[in-house]
Amino acid sequence: MNFVDDKLDNFSSIVMKEAAEKRLQILNQVKEERDGILEQRELDCLEDAYVKIQKEIRKTDKEKNEMISRAVMESKKALLQKREEIIEEIFNNIMKRIQSFLETPDYYTFLMQNILQGRQQVGQGEIIIYINKSDVSLIDKIKQQLSEPLEIQVDQEDIIGGCKVFNKTKGTLIDDSLAAKIAQQKECFLEISGLVIDLL
């Protein structure tokens, strides 16, 4: 009876040992599968988080760039406005000085020099001298001083002072008006003054 009990105990021990090993094997397999599933889910979550983070970064970068662009454009607009105010103030002062000059006897000398130089530059032909409407009172005096009879007309535009000399025969025009000189100076002024603003 003892022998049978020993055999049964031995068999029972072997079965229990195998069962424990099988149990351990199953537990290890379940753990590995669970770890694999968890790892995959973790990777999926990390990938989703990465995609969302990248999307938010792009959105933030876009908003930041738009804000910077707006700020740059507003700054350039403010600079342009300030520049225009400076230019307007400077040229208003120039116009005041020109208006004062137009009322002096030196202006007539200036006007005659312009007419004679323009006449020489356009060459021979039928010549028309255009003056400003404010200089109409000088027409007779100008004609008396010229060695040849020339047609003198009032320009339709306000040329401020000075004259335009037109050779009708050749189709050549010399614009020696103060309005043209001021416009030319305005163009050069930005470069000379350093007030050029890069809009790009």
N, C-alpha and C. Protein backbone atom coordinates (compact mmCIF):
# COMPACT_ATOMS: atom_id res chain seq x y z
N MET A 1 0.83 -1.17 0.00
CA MET A 1 0.00 0.00 0.00
C MET A 1 0.88 1.24 0.00
N ASN A 2 1.94 1.16 0.69
CA ASN A 2 2.89 2.26 0.76
C ASN A 2 3.51 2.51 -0.60
N PHE A 3 3.77 1.49 -1.29
CA PHE A 3 4.38 1.57 -2.62
C PHE A 3 3.42 2.28 -3.57
N VAL A 4 2.14 1.95 -3.51
CA VAL A 4 1.12 2.54 -4.36
C VAL A 4 0.98 4.02 -4.01
N ASP A 5 1.01 4.30 -2.71
CA ASP A 5 0.90 5.71 -2.29
C ASP A 5 2.08 6.52 -2.81
N ASP A 6 3.25 5.86 -2.72
CA ASP A 6 4.45 6.56 -3.22
C ASP A 6 4.34 6.82 -4.72
N LYS A 7 3.81 5.79 -5.40
CA LYS A 7 3.66 5.93 -6.86
C LYS A 7 2.65 7.04 -7.16
N LEU A 8 1.56 7.04 -6.40
CA LEU A 8 0.53 8.05 -6.61
C LEU A 8 1.08 9.45 -6.27
N ASP A 9 1.80 9.50 -5.17
CA ASP A 9 2.40 10.80 -4.78
C ASP A 9 3.39 11.27 -5.84
N ASN A 10 4.16 10.33 -6.33
CA ASN A 10 5.16 10.64 -7.35
C ASN A 10 4.46 11.10 -8.63
N PHE A 11 3.41 10.35 -9.04
CA PHE A 11 2.64 10.69 -10.24
C PHE A 11 1.98 12.05 -10.06
N SER A 12 1.38 12.21 -8.87
CA SER A 12 0.69 13.45 -8.54
C SER A 12 1.68 14.63 -8.58
N SER A 13 2.87 14.39 -8.07
CA SER A 13 3.92 15.41 -8.04
C SER A 13 4.34 15.78 -9.46
N ILE A 14 4.49 14.74 -10.31
CA ILE A 14 4.88 14.97 -11.72
C ILE A 14 3.79 15.76 -12.44
N VAL A 15 2.53 15.34 -12.24
CA VAL A 15 1.40 16.01 -12.89
C VAL A 15 1.32 17.47 -12.43
N MET A 16 1.48 17.66 -11.13
CA MET A 16 1.41 19.02 -10.57
C MET A 16 2.56 19.89 -11.11
N LYS A 17 3.73 19.25 -11.23
CA LYS A 17 4.90 19.97 -11.74
C LYS A 17 4.67 20.38 -13.20
N GLU A 18 4.13 19.41 -13.98
CA GLU A 18 3.83 19.70 -15.40
C GLU A 18 2.75 20.77 -15.51
N ALA A 19 1.75 20.65 -14.64
CA ALA A 19 0.65 21.63 -14.64
C ALA A 19 1.19 23.02 -14.29
N ALA A 20 2.10 23.04 -13.30
CA ALA A 20 2.69 24.32 -12.89
C ALA A 20 3.53 24.90 -14.02
N GLU A 21 4.28 24.03 -14.71
CA GLU A 21 5.09 24.49 -15.84
C GLU A 21 4.20 24.98 -16.97
N LYS A 22 3.12 24.20 -17.23
CA LYS A 22 2.17 24.56 -18.28
C LYS A 22 1.51 25.89 -17.94
N ARG A 23 1.13 26.02 -16.64
CA ARG A 23 0.51 27.25 -16.16
C ARG A 23 1.48 28.42 -16.35
N LEU A 24 2.73 28.21 -15.97
CA LEU A 24 3.75 29.24 -16.10
C LEU A 24 3.96 29.61 -17.57
N GLN A 25 3.94 28.59 -18.42
CA GLN A 25 4.12 28.80 -19.86
C GLN A 25 2.95 29.62 -20.42
N ILE A 26 1.73 29.24 -20.00
CA ILE A 26 0.53 29.96 -20.45
C ILE A 26 0.57 31.41 -19.96
N LEU A 27 0.95 31.58 -18.67
CA LEU A 27 1.04 32.93 -18.09
C LEU A 27 2.08 33.78 -18.83
N ASN A 28 3.22 33.16 -19.13
CA ASN A 28 4.27 33.88 -19.88
C ASN A 28 3.78 34.26 -21.27
N GLN A 29 3.07 33.34 -21.91
CA GLN A 29 2.54 33.59 -23.26
C GLN A 29 1.50 34.72 -23.21
N VAL A 30 0.61 34.66 -22.20
CA VAL A 30 -0.41 35.70 -22.03
C VAL A 30 0.27 37.05 -21.76
N LYS A 31 1.29 37.02 -20.89
CA LYS A 31 2.02 38.24 -20.56
C LYS A 31 2.68 38.83 -21.82
N GLU A 32 3.32 37.94 -22.62
CA GLU A 32 3.97 38.41 -23.85
C GLU A 32 2.94 39.01 -24.81
N GLU A 33 1.80 38.31 -24.95
CA GLU A 33 0.75 38.82 -25.84
C GLU A 33 0.22 40.16 -25.33
N ARG A 34 -0.01 40.21 -23.99
CA ARG A 34 -0.50 41.45 -23.39
C ARG A 34 0.52 42.58 -23.57
N ASP A 35 1.80 42.26 -23.32
CA ASP A 35 2.86 43.26 -23.49
C ASP A 35 2.93 43.72 -24.95
N GLY A 36 2.79 42.77 -25.87
CA GLY A 36 2.80 43.10 -27.30
C GLY A 36 1.65 44.02 -27.67
N ILE A 37 0.45 43.67 -27.13
CA ILE A 37 -0.74 44.50 -27.40
C ILE A 37 -0.55 45.90 -26.80
N LEU A 38 -0.07 45.93 -25.55
CA LEU A 38 0.17 47.22 -24.88
C LEU A 38 1.21 48.05 -25.63
N GLU A 39 2.27 47.36 -26.06
CA GLU A 39 3.32 48.07 -26.80
C GLU A 39 2.78 48.62 -28.12
N GLN A 40 1.97 47.82 -28.81
CA GLN A 40 1.38 48.28 -30.07
C GLN A 40 0.44 49.46 -29.84
N ARG A 41 -0.37 49.33 -28.76
CA ARG A 41 -1.30 50.43 -28.44
C ARG A 41 -0.52 51.69 -28.05
N GLU A 42 0.56 51.49 -27.31
CA GLU A 42 1.40 52.62 -26.92
C GLU A 42 2.00 53.28 -28.15
N LEU A 43 2.47 52.44 -29.10
CA LEU A 43 3.01 52.98 -30.35
C LEU A 43 1.94 53.73 -31.14
N ASP A 44 0.72 53.15 -31.18
CA ASP A 44 -0.38 53.80 -31.88
C ASP A 44 -0.70 55.15 -31.23
N CYS A 45 -0.74 55.16 -29.88
CA CYS A 45 -1.02 56.41 -29.15
C CYS A 45 0.08 57.44 -29.40
N LEU A 46 1.33 56.97 -29.37
CA LEU A 46 2.46 57.88 -29.61
C LEU A 46 2.40 58.44 -31.04
N GLU A 47 2.05 57.57 -31.99
CA GLU A 47 1.95 58.02 -33.38
C GLU A 47 0.83 59.05 -33.53
N ASP A 48 -0.34 58.77 -32.91
CA ASP A 48 -1.45 59.73 -32.95
C ASP A 48 -1.03 61.05 -32.31
N ALA A 49 -0.36 60.96 -31.16
CA ALA A 49 0.09 62.17 -30.46
C ALA A 49 1.08 62.94 -31.32
N TYR A 50 2.01 62.24 -31.98
CA TYR A 50 3.01 62.89 -32.84
C TYR A 50 2.32 63.63 -33.99
N VAL A 51 1.35 62.94 -34.62
CA VAL A 51 0.62 63.55 -35.75
C VAL A 51 -0.11 64.81 -35.27
N LYS A 52 -0.77 64.73 -34.10
CA LYS A 52 -1.50 65.89 -33.56
C LYS A 52 -0.54 67.02 -33.21
N ILE A 53 0.60 66.67 -32.60
CA ILE A 53 1.59 67.68 -32.23
C ILE A 53 2.13 68.38 -33.48
N GLN A 54 2.46 67.58 -34.51
CA GLN A 54 2.97 68.17 -35.76
C GLN A 54 1.92 69.08 -36.41
N LYS A 55 0.67 68.66 -36.36
CA LYS A 55 -0.41 69.46 -36.92
C LYS A 55 -0.53 70.79 -36.17
N GLU A 56 -0.46 70.72 -34.84
CA GLU A 56 -0.54 71.93 -34.02
C GLU A 56 0.68 72.83 -34.25
N ILE A 57 1.86 72.23 -34.40
CA ILE A 57 3.08 73.01 -34.66
C ILE A 57 2.94 73.75 -35.99
N ARG A 58 2.46 73.05 -37.03
CA ARG A 58 2.26 73.68 -38.34
C ARG A 58 1.26 74.82 -38.24
N LYS A 59 0.16 74.58 -37.50
CA LYS A 59 -0.87 75.59 -37.32
C LYS A 59 -0.30 76.80 -36.59
N THR A 60 0.46 76.54 -35.53
CA THR A 60 1.08 77.62 -34.74
C THR A 60 2.08 78.40 -35.59
N ASP A 61 2.91 77.66 -36.37
CA ASP A 61 3.89 78.32 -37.25
C ASP A 61 3.19 79.21 -38.28
N LYS A 62 2.09 78.69 -38.83
CA LYS A 62 1.34 79.46 -39.83
C LYS A 62 0.78 80.74 -39.20
N GLU A 63 0.19 80.60 -38.00
CA GLU A 63 -0.36 81.76 -37.30
C GLU A 63 0.75 82.76 -36.96
N LYS A 64 1.90 82.23 -36.49
CA LYS A 64 3.03 83.09 -36.14
C LYS A 64 3.52 83.85 -37.38
N ASN A 65 3.68 83.12 -38.51
CA ASN A 65 4.14 83.75 -39.75
C ASN A 65 3.16 84.81 -40.25
N GLU A 66 1.85 84.51 -40.11
CA GLU A 66 0.84 85.49 -40.51
C GLU A 66 0.92 86.74 -39.65
N MET A 67 1.11 86.53 -38.33
CA MET A 67 1.23 87.67 -37.41
C MET A 67 2.46 88.51 -37.74
N ILE A 68 3.59 87.82 -38.01
CA ILE A 68 4.82 88.53 -38.36
C ILE A 68 4.63 89.30 -39.66
N SER A 69 4.02 88.65 -40.67
CA SER A 69 3.78 89.31 -41.96
C SER A 69 2.90 90.55 -41.78
N ARG A 70 1.84 90.40 -40.97
CA ARG A 70 0.95 91.54 -40.72
C ARG A 70 1.71 92.67 -40.04
N ALA A 71 2.52 92.31 -39.03
CA ALA A 71 3.29 93.32 -38.30
C ALA A 71 4.28 94.02 -39.23
N VAL A 72 4.95 93.24 -40.10
CA VAL A 72 5.91 93.82 -41.05
C VAL A 72 5.19 94.76 -42.02
N MET A 73 4.04 94.32 -42.54
CA MET A 73 3.29 95.15 -43.49
C MET A 73 2.78 96.43 -42.83
N GLU A 74 2.30 96.31 -41.58
CA GLU A 74 1.83 97.49 -40.86
C GLU A 74 2.98 98.46 -40.60
N SER A 75 4.15 97.91 -40.26
CA SER A 75 5.33 98.75 -40.02
C SER A 75 5.74 99.48 -41.30
N LYS A 76 5.75 98.74 -42.41
CA LYS A 76 6.12 99.36 -43.69
C LYS A 76 5.10 100.42 -44.10
N LYS A 77 3.83 100.13 -43.83
CA LYS A 77 2.78 101.10 -44.14
C LYS A 77 2.97 102.37 -43.32
N ALA A 78 3.27 102.19 -42.01
CA ALA A 78 3.51 103.34 -41.14
C ALA A 78 4.75 104.12 -41.60
N LEU A 79 5.80 103.38 -42.01
CA LEU A 79 7.02 104.03 -42.52
C LEU A 79 6.73 104.83 -43.78
N LEU A 80 5.98 104.22 -44.70
CA LEU A 80 5.63 104.91 -45.95
C LEU A 80 4.83 106.17 -45.66
N GLN A 81 3.88 106.07 -44.73
CA GLN A 81 3.06 107.23 -44.37
C GLN A 81 3.94 108.33 -43.78
N LYS A 82 4.85 107.95 -42.87
CA LYS A 82 5.74 108.94 -42.26
C LYS A 82 6.65 109.56 -43.32
N ARG A 83 7.15 108.71 -44.23
CA ARG A 83 8.00 109.21 -45.31
C ARG A 83 7.25 110.23 -46.16
N GLU A 84 5.99 109.91 -46.49
CA GLU A 84 5.19 110.83 -47.30
C GLU A 84 4.97 112.14 -46.57
N GLU A 85 4.77 112.06 -45.25
CA GLU A 85 4.59 113.29 -44.46
C GLU A 85 5.86 114.14 -44.50
N ILE A 86 7.01 113.49 -44.37
CA ILE A 86 8.30 114.20 -44.41
C ILE A 86 8.50 114.86 -45.77
N ILE A 87 8.26 114.08 -46.83
CA ILE A 87 8.44 114.60 -48.20
C ILE A 87 7.49 115.77 -48.44
N GLU A 88 6.23 115.60 -48.02
CA GLU A 88 5.25 116.66 -48.23
C GLU A 88 5.67 117.94 -47.49
N GLU A 89 6.14 117.78 -46.25
CA GLU A 89 6.57 118.94 -45.47
C GLU A 89 7.76 119.64 -46.15
N ILE A 90 8.73 118.85 -46.59
CA ILE A 90 9.91 119.42 -47.26
C ILE A 90 9.51 120.15 -48.53
N PHE A 91 8.68 119.51 -49.36
CA PHE A 91 8.32 120.13 -50.64
C PHE A 91 7.33 121.28 -50.46
N ASN A 92 6.56 121.28 -49.38
CA ASN A 92 5.72 122.44 -49.07
C ASN A 92 6.60 123.65 -48.75
N ASN A 93 7.67 123.40 -47.98
CA ASN A 93 8.62 124.47 -47.67
C ASN A 93 9.32 124.98 -48.94
N ILE A 94 9.66 124.03 -49.83
CA ILE A 94 10.28 124.41 -51.11
C ILE A 94 9.32 125.29 -51.91
N MET A 95 8.04 124.87 -51.94
CA MET A 95 7.04 125.64 -52.71
C MET A 95 6.88 127.05 -52.14
N LYS A 96 6.94 127.19 -50.82
CA LYS A 96 6.83 128.52 -50.20
C LYS A 96 8.01 129.39 -50.65
N ARG A 97 9.20 128.79 -50.67
CA ARG A 97 10.38 129.54 -51.09
C ARG A 97 10.31 129.90 -52.58
N ILE A 98 9.79 128.98 -53.38
CA ILE A 98 9.63 129.25 -54.82
C ILE A 98 8.63 130.38 -55.03
N GLN A 99 7.51 130.32 -54.28
CA GLN A 99 6.49 131.38 -54.41
C GLN A 99 7.09 132.75 -54.07
N SER A 100 7.94 132.76 -53.04
CA SER A 100 8.61 134.02 -52.68
C SER A 100 9.54 134.46 -53.81
N PHE A 101 10.27 133.50 -54.41
CA PHE A 101 11.20 133.81 -55.50
C PHE A 101 10.46 134.36 -56.72
N LEU A 102 9.27 133.81 -57.01
CA LEU A 102 8.48 134.24 -58.17
C LEU A 102 8.08 135.72 -58.07
N GLU A 103 8.07 136.25 -56.88
CA GLU A 103 7.67 137.64 -56.67
C GLU A 103 8.85 138.61 -56.69
N THR A 104 10.07 138.10 -56.91
CA THR A 104 11.26 138.97 -56.92
C THR A 104 11.64 139.34 -58.36
N PRO A 105 12.41 140.42 -58.53
CA PRO A 105 12.91 140.78 -59.87
C PRO A 105 13.84 139.72 -60.45
N ASP A 106 14.49 138.94 -59.58
CA ASP A 106 15.39 137.88 -60.05
C ASP A 106 14.65 136.81 -60.86
N TYR A 107 13.34 136.64 -60.57
CA TYR A 107 12.58 135.62 -61.31
C TYR A 107 12.53 135.94 -62.80
N TYR A 108 12.32 137.21 -63.14
CA TYR A 108 12.26 137.57 -64.57
C TYR A 108 13.58 137.21 -65.26
N THR A 109 14.70 137.49 -64.62
CA THR A 109 16.02 137.15 -65.17
C THR A 109 16.12 135.64 -65.37
N PHE A 110 15.67 134.88 -64.37
CA PHE A 110 15.66 133.40 -64.43
C PHE A 110 14.81 132.93 -65.61
N LEU A 111 13.61 133.50 -65.75
CA LEU A 111 12.68 133.11 -66.82
C LEU A 111 13.29 133.39 -68.19
N MET A 112 13.91 134.56 -68.36
CA MET A 112 14.52 134.90 -69.65
C MET A 112 15.68 133.95 -69.98
N GLN A 113 16.48 133.61 -68.99
CA GLN A 113 17.58 132.64 -69.23
C GLN A 113 17.00 131.30 -69.68
N ASN A 114 15.91 130.86 -69.05
CA ASN A 114 15.27 129.59 -69.45
C ASN A 114 14.78 129.65 -70.89
N ILE A 115 14.14 130.77 -71.24
CA ILE A 115 13.60 130.92 -72.60
C ILE A 115 14.74 130.89 -73.62
N LEU A 116 15.80 131.64 -73.36
CA LEU A 116 16.93 131.71 -74.32
C LEU A 116 17.65 130.36 -74.44
N GLN A 117 17.86 129.69 -73.32
CA GLN A 117 18.52 128.36 -73.36
C GLN A 117 17.64 127.35 -74.08
N GLY A 118 16.35 127.35 -73.76
CA GLY A 118 15.42 126.43 -74.42
C GLY A 118 15.34 126.69 -75.91
N ARG A 119 15.31 127.98 -76.27
CA ARG A 119 15.26 128.36 -77.69
C ARG A 119 16.49 127.84 -78.42
N GLN A 120 17.63 127.93 -77.79
CA GLN A 120 18.88 127.46 -78.41
C GLN A 120 18.88 125.93 -78.54
N GLN A 121 18.36 125.25 -77.55
CA GLN A 121 18.38 123.78 -77.54
C GLN A 121 17.44 123.17 -78.59
N VAL A 122 16.28 123.78 -78.83
CA VAL A 122 15.34 123.18 -79.79
C VAL A 122 15.71 123.44 -81.25
N GLY A 123 16.59 124.39 -81.50
CA GLY A 123 17.05 124.64 -82.87
C GLY A 123 16.08 125.49 -83.68
N GLN A 124 16.37 125.58 -85.01
CA GLN A 124 15.59 126.42 -85.92
C GLN A 124 14.24 125.80 -86.21
N GLY A 125 13.24 126.65 -86.43
CA GLY A 125 11.91 126.20 -86.78
C GLY A 125 10.86 127.12 -86.19
N GLU A 126 9.61 126.69 -86.28
CA GLU A 126 8.51 127.47 -85.70
C GLU A 126 8.49 127.20 -84.20
N ILE A 127 8.75 128.23 -83.40
CA ILE A 127 8.94 128.07 -81.95
C ILE A 127 7.74 128.64 -81.19
N ILE A 128 7.30 127.86 -80.19
CA ILE A 128 6.24 128.34 -79.28
C ILE A 128 6.81 128.27 -77.86
N ILE A 129 6.68 129.37 -77.12
CA ILE A 129 7.12 129.43 -75.73
C ILE A 129 5.87 129.31 -74.85
N TYR A 130 5.87 128.35 -73.93
CA TYR A 130 4.75 128.20 -73.00
C TYR A 130 5.19 128.70 -71.62
N ILE A 131 4.38 129.61 -71.06
CA ILE A 131 4.68 130.13 -69.72
C ILE A 131 3.49 129.85 -68.79
N ASN A 132 3.69 130.08 -67.52
CA ASN A 132 2.62 129.86 -66.54
C ASN A 132 1.63 131.02 -66.60
N LYS A 133 0.38 130.77 -66.25
CA LYS A 133 -0.64 131.82 -66.31
C LYS A 133 -0.30 132.99 -65.38
N SER A 134 0.47 132.72 -64.31
CA SER A 134 0.85 133.81 -63.40
C SER A 134 1.87 134.76 -64.03
N ASP A 135 2.45 134.36 -65.18
CA ASP A 135 3.47 135.19 -65.84
C ASP A 135 2.93 135.97 -67.05
N VAL A 136 1.61 135.99 -67.22
CA VAL A 136 0.99 136.66 -68.38
C VAL A 136 1.41 138.13 -68.46
N SER A 137 1.55 138.77 -67.32
CA SER A 137 1.91 140.20 -67.29
C SER A 137 3.32 140.45 -67.84
N LEU A 138 4.13 139.38 -67.98
CA LEU A 138 5.51 139.54 -68.46
C LEU A 138 5.65 139.35 -69.98
N ILE A 139 4.58 138.97 -70.66
CA ILE A 139 4.65 138.63 -72.09
C ILE A 139 5.23 139.77 -72.92
N ASP A 140 4.73 140.98 -72.76
CA ASP A 140 5.23 142.11 -73.56
C ASP A 140 6.70 142.38 -73.28
N LYS A 141 7.09 142.30 -72.03
CA LYS A 141 8.49 142.53 -71.65
C LYS A 141 9.41 141.47 -72.26
N ILE A 142 8.93 140.21 -72.27
CA ILE A 142 9.70 139.10 -72.85
C ILE A 142 9.88 139.34 -74.35
N LYS A 143 8.79 139.69 -75.04
CA LYS A 143 8.82 139.89 -76.51
C LYS A 143 9.78 141.03 -76.87
N GLN A 144 9.81 142.08 -76.04
CA GLN A 144 10.70 143.21 -76.31
C GLN A 144 12.17 142.79 -76.19
N GLN A 145 12.44 141.86 -75.29
CA GLN A 145 13.84 141.48 -75.05
C GLN A 145 14.34 140.44 -76.05
N LEU A 146 13.43 139.73 -76.72
CA LEU A 146 13.84 138.70 -77.68
C LEU A 146 14.25 139.35 -79.00
N SER A 147 15.27 138.78 -79.63
CA SER A 147 15.77 139.34 -80.89
C SER A 147 14.91 138.91 -82.07
N GLU A 148 14.10 137.89 -81.90
CA GLU A 148 13.23 137.43 -82.99
C GLU A 148 11.80 137.28 -82.46
N PRO A 149 10.83 137.44 -83.32
CA PRO A 149 9.45 137.30 -82.84
C PRO A 149 9.12 135.82 -82.59
N LEU A 150 8.66 135.51 -81.39
CA LEU A 150 8.28 134.14 -81.04
C LEU A 150 6.85 134.14 -80.50
N GLU A 151 6.15 133.03 -80.75
CA GLU A 151 4.80 132.90 -80.22
C GLU A 151 4.89 132.52 -78.74
N ILE A 152 4.19 133.25 -77.89
CA ILE A 152 4.18 132.95 -76.45
C ILE A 152 2.75 132.62 -76.05
N GLN A 153 2.59 131.45 -75.43
CA GLN A 153 1.26 131.01 -75.00
C GLN A 153 1.29 130.65 -73.52
N VAL A 154 0.10 130.71 -72.91
CA VAL A 154 -0.04 130.29 -71.51
C VAL A 154 -0.28 128.78 -71.52
N ASP A 155 0.52 128.05 -70.72
CA ASP A 155 0.36 126.59 -70.63
C ASP A 155 -0.95 126.26 -69.93
N GLN A 156 -1.61 125.21 -70.37
CA GLN A 156 -2.89 124.81 -69.78
C GLN A 156 -2.71 124.27 -68.35
N GLU A 157 -1.54 123.73 -68.09
CA GLU A 157 -1.25 123.19 -66.75
C GLU A 157 -0.57 124.27 -65.92
N ASP A 158 -0.58 124.06 -64.61
CA ASP A 158 0.14 124.97 -63.72
C ASP A 158 1.60 124.53 -63.69
N ILE A 159 2.45 125.23 -64.43
CA ILE A 159 3.87 124.84 -64.46
C ILE A 159 4.67 125.62 -63.42
N ILE A 160 3.97 126.36 -62.56
CA ILE A 160 4.52 127.12 -61.42
C ILE A 160 5.35 128.32 -61.89
N GLY A 161 6.34 128.08 -62.72
CA GLY A 161 7.22 129.13 -63.23
C GLY A 161 8.13 128.52 -64.27
N GLY A 162 9.05 129.33 -64.79
CA GLY A 162 9.91 128.82 -65.86
C GLY A 162 9.12 128.72 -67.15
N CYS A 163 9.55 127.87 -68.07
CA CYS A 163 8.86 127.78 -69.35
C CYS A 163 9.05 126.41 -70.01
N LYS A 164 8.27 126.21 -71.07
CA LYS A 164 8.47 125.09 -71.98
C LYS A 164 8.71 125.70 -73.35
N VAL A 165 9.68 125.16 -74.06
CA VAL A 165 9.97 125.67 -75.41
C VAL A 165 9.72 124.53 -76.39
N PHE A 166 8.82 124.79 -77.36
CA PHE A 166 8.41 123.76 -78.31
C PHE A 166 8.76 124.18 -79.72
N ASN A 167 9.53 123.31 -80.42
CA ASN A 167 9.84 123.53 -81.84
C ASN A 167 8.78 122.74 -82.61
N LYS A 168 7.78 123.46 -83.12
CA LYS A 168 6.66 122.83 -83.82
C LYS A 168 7.14 122.14 -85.09
N THR A 169 8.14 122.71 -85.74
CA THR A 169 8.66 122.15 -86.99
C THR A 169 9.30 120.78 -86.75
N LYS A 170 10.12 120.67 -85.72
CA LYS A 170 10.83 119.42 -85.44
C LYS A 170 10.09 118.50 -84.46
N GLY A 171 9.09 119.06 -83.77
CA GLY A 171 8.38 118.27 -82.75
C GLY A 171 9.21 118.07 -81.49
N THR A 172 10.10 119.02 -81.19
CA THR A 172 10.99 118.92 -80.03
C THR A 172 10.49 119.83 -78.91
N LEU A 173 10.42 119.29 -77.71
CA LEU A 173 9.96 120.06 -76.56
C LEU A 173 11.02 120.05 -75.47
N ILE A 174 11.34 121.22 -74.94
CA ILE A 174 12.22 121.34 -73.77
C ILE A 174 11.35 121.83 -72.62
N ASP A 175 11.23 120.99 -71.58
CA ASP A 175 10.42 121.38 -70.41
C ASP A 175 11.36 121.89 -69.33
N ASP A 176 11.46 123.20 -69.25
CA ASP A 176 12.34 123.84 -68.26
C ASP A 176 11.48 124.54 -67.21
N SER A 177 10.28 123.97 -66.99
CA SER A 177 9.37 124.58 -66.00
C SER A 177 9.79 124.19 -64.59
N LEU A 178 9.39 125.01 -63.63
CA LEU A 178 9.69 124.70 -62.23
C LEU A 178 8.93 123.45 -61.79
N ALA A 179 7.73 123.22 -62.33
CA ALA A 179 6.95 122.02 -61.99
C ALA A 179 7.72 120.76 -62.38
N ALA A 180 8.34 120.78 -63.58
CA ALA A 180 9.13 119.63 -64.05
C ALA A 180 10.36 119.43 -63.18
N LYS A 181 11.01 120.55 -62.81
CA LYS A 181 12.21 120.45 -61.98
C LYS A 181 11.88 119.90 -60.58
N ILE A 182 10.75 120.32 -60.03
CA ILE A 182 10.33 119.83 -58.71
C ILE A 182 10.03 118.33 -58.79
N ALA A 183 9.31 117.92 -59.84
CA ALA A 183 8.98 116.49 -60.02
C ALA A 183 10.26 115.67 -60.14
N GLN A 184 11.23 116.19 -60.88
CA GLN A 184 12.51 115.49 -61.05
C GLN A 184 13.26 115.39 -59.71
N GLN A 185 13.22 116.47 -58.95
CA GLN A 185 13.89 116.47 -57.65
C GLN A 185 13.22 115.51 -56.67
N LYS A 186 11.89 115.38 -56.78
CA LYS A 186 11.17 114.43 -55.91
C LYS A 186 11.65 113.01 -56.14
N GLU A 187 11.86 112.68 -57.42
CA GLU A 187 12.33 111.33 -57.77
C GLU A 187 13.71 111.08 -57.19
N CYS A 188 14.61 112.06 -57.33
CA CYS A 188 15.98 111.91 -56.82
C CYS A 188 16.04 112.00 -55.30
N PHE A 189 15.08 112.72 -54.71
CA PHE A 189 15.11 113.00 -53.28
C PHE A 189 15.15 111.73 -52.44
N LEU A 190 14.36 110.72 -52.81
CA LEU A 190 14.29 109.48 -52.02
C LEU A 190 15.65 108.81 -51.92
N GLU A 191 16.35 108.74 -53.04
CA GLU A 191 17.67 108.10 -53.03
C GLU A 191 18.69 108.95 -52.29
N ILE A 192 18.68 110.26 -52.55
CA ILE A 192 19.64 111.16 -51.91
C ILE A 192 19.43 111.20 -50.40
N SER A 193 18.16 111.23 -49.97
CA SER A 193 17.84 111.38 -48.55
C SER A 193 17.97 110.09 -47.76
N GLY A 194 18.03 108.96 -48.46
CA GLY A 194 18.11 107.67 -47.75
C GLY A 194 16.75 107.23 -47.24
N LEU A 195 15.67 107.80 -47.77
CA LEU A 195 14.33 107.44 -47.32
C LEU A 195 13.69 106.35 -48.18
N VAL A 196 14.51 105.62 -48.94
CA VAL A 196 13.99 104.51 -49.75
C VAL A 196 13.61 103.38 -48.81
N ILE A 197 12.40 102.84 -48.99
CA ILE A 197 11.91 101.74 -48.15
C ILE A 197 11.74 100.51 -49.01
N ASP A 198 12.42 99.43 -48.60
CA ASP A 198 12.33 98.16 -49.33
C ASP A 198 11.00 97.51 -48.98
N LEU A 199 10.12 97.31 -50.00
CA LEU A 199 8.80 96.76 -49.75
C LEU A 199 8.76 95.25 -49.80
N LEU A 200 9.82 94.61 -50.14
CA LEU A 200 9.83 93.14 -50.20
C LEU A 200 10.09 92.52 -48.86
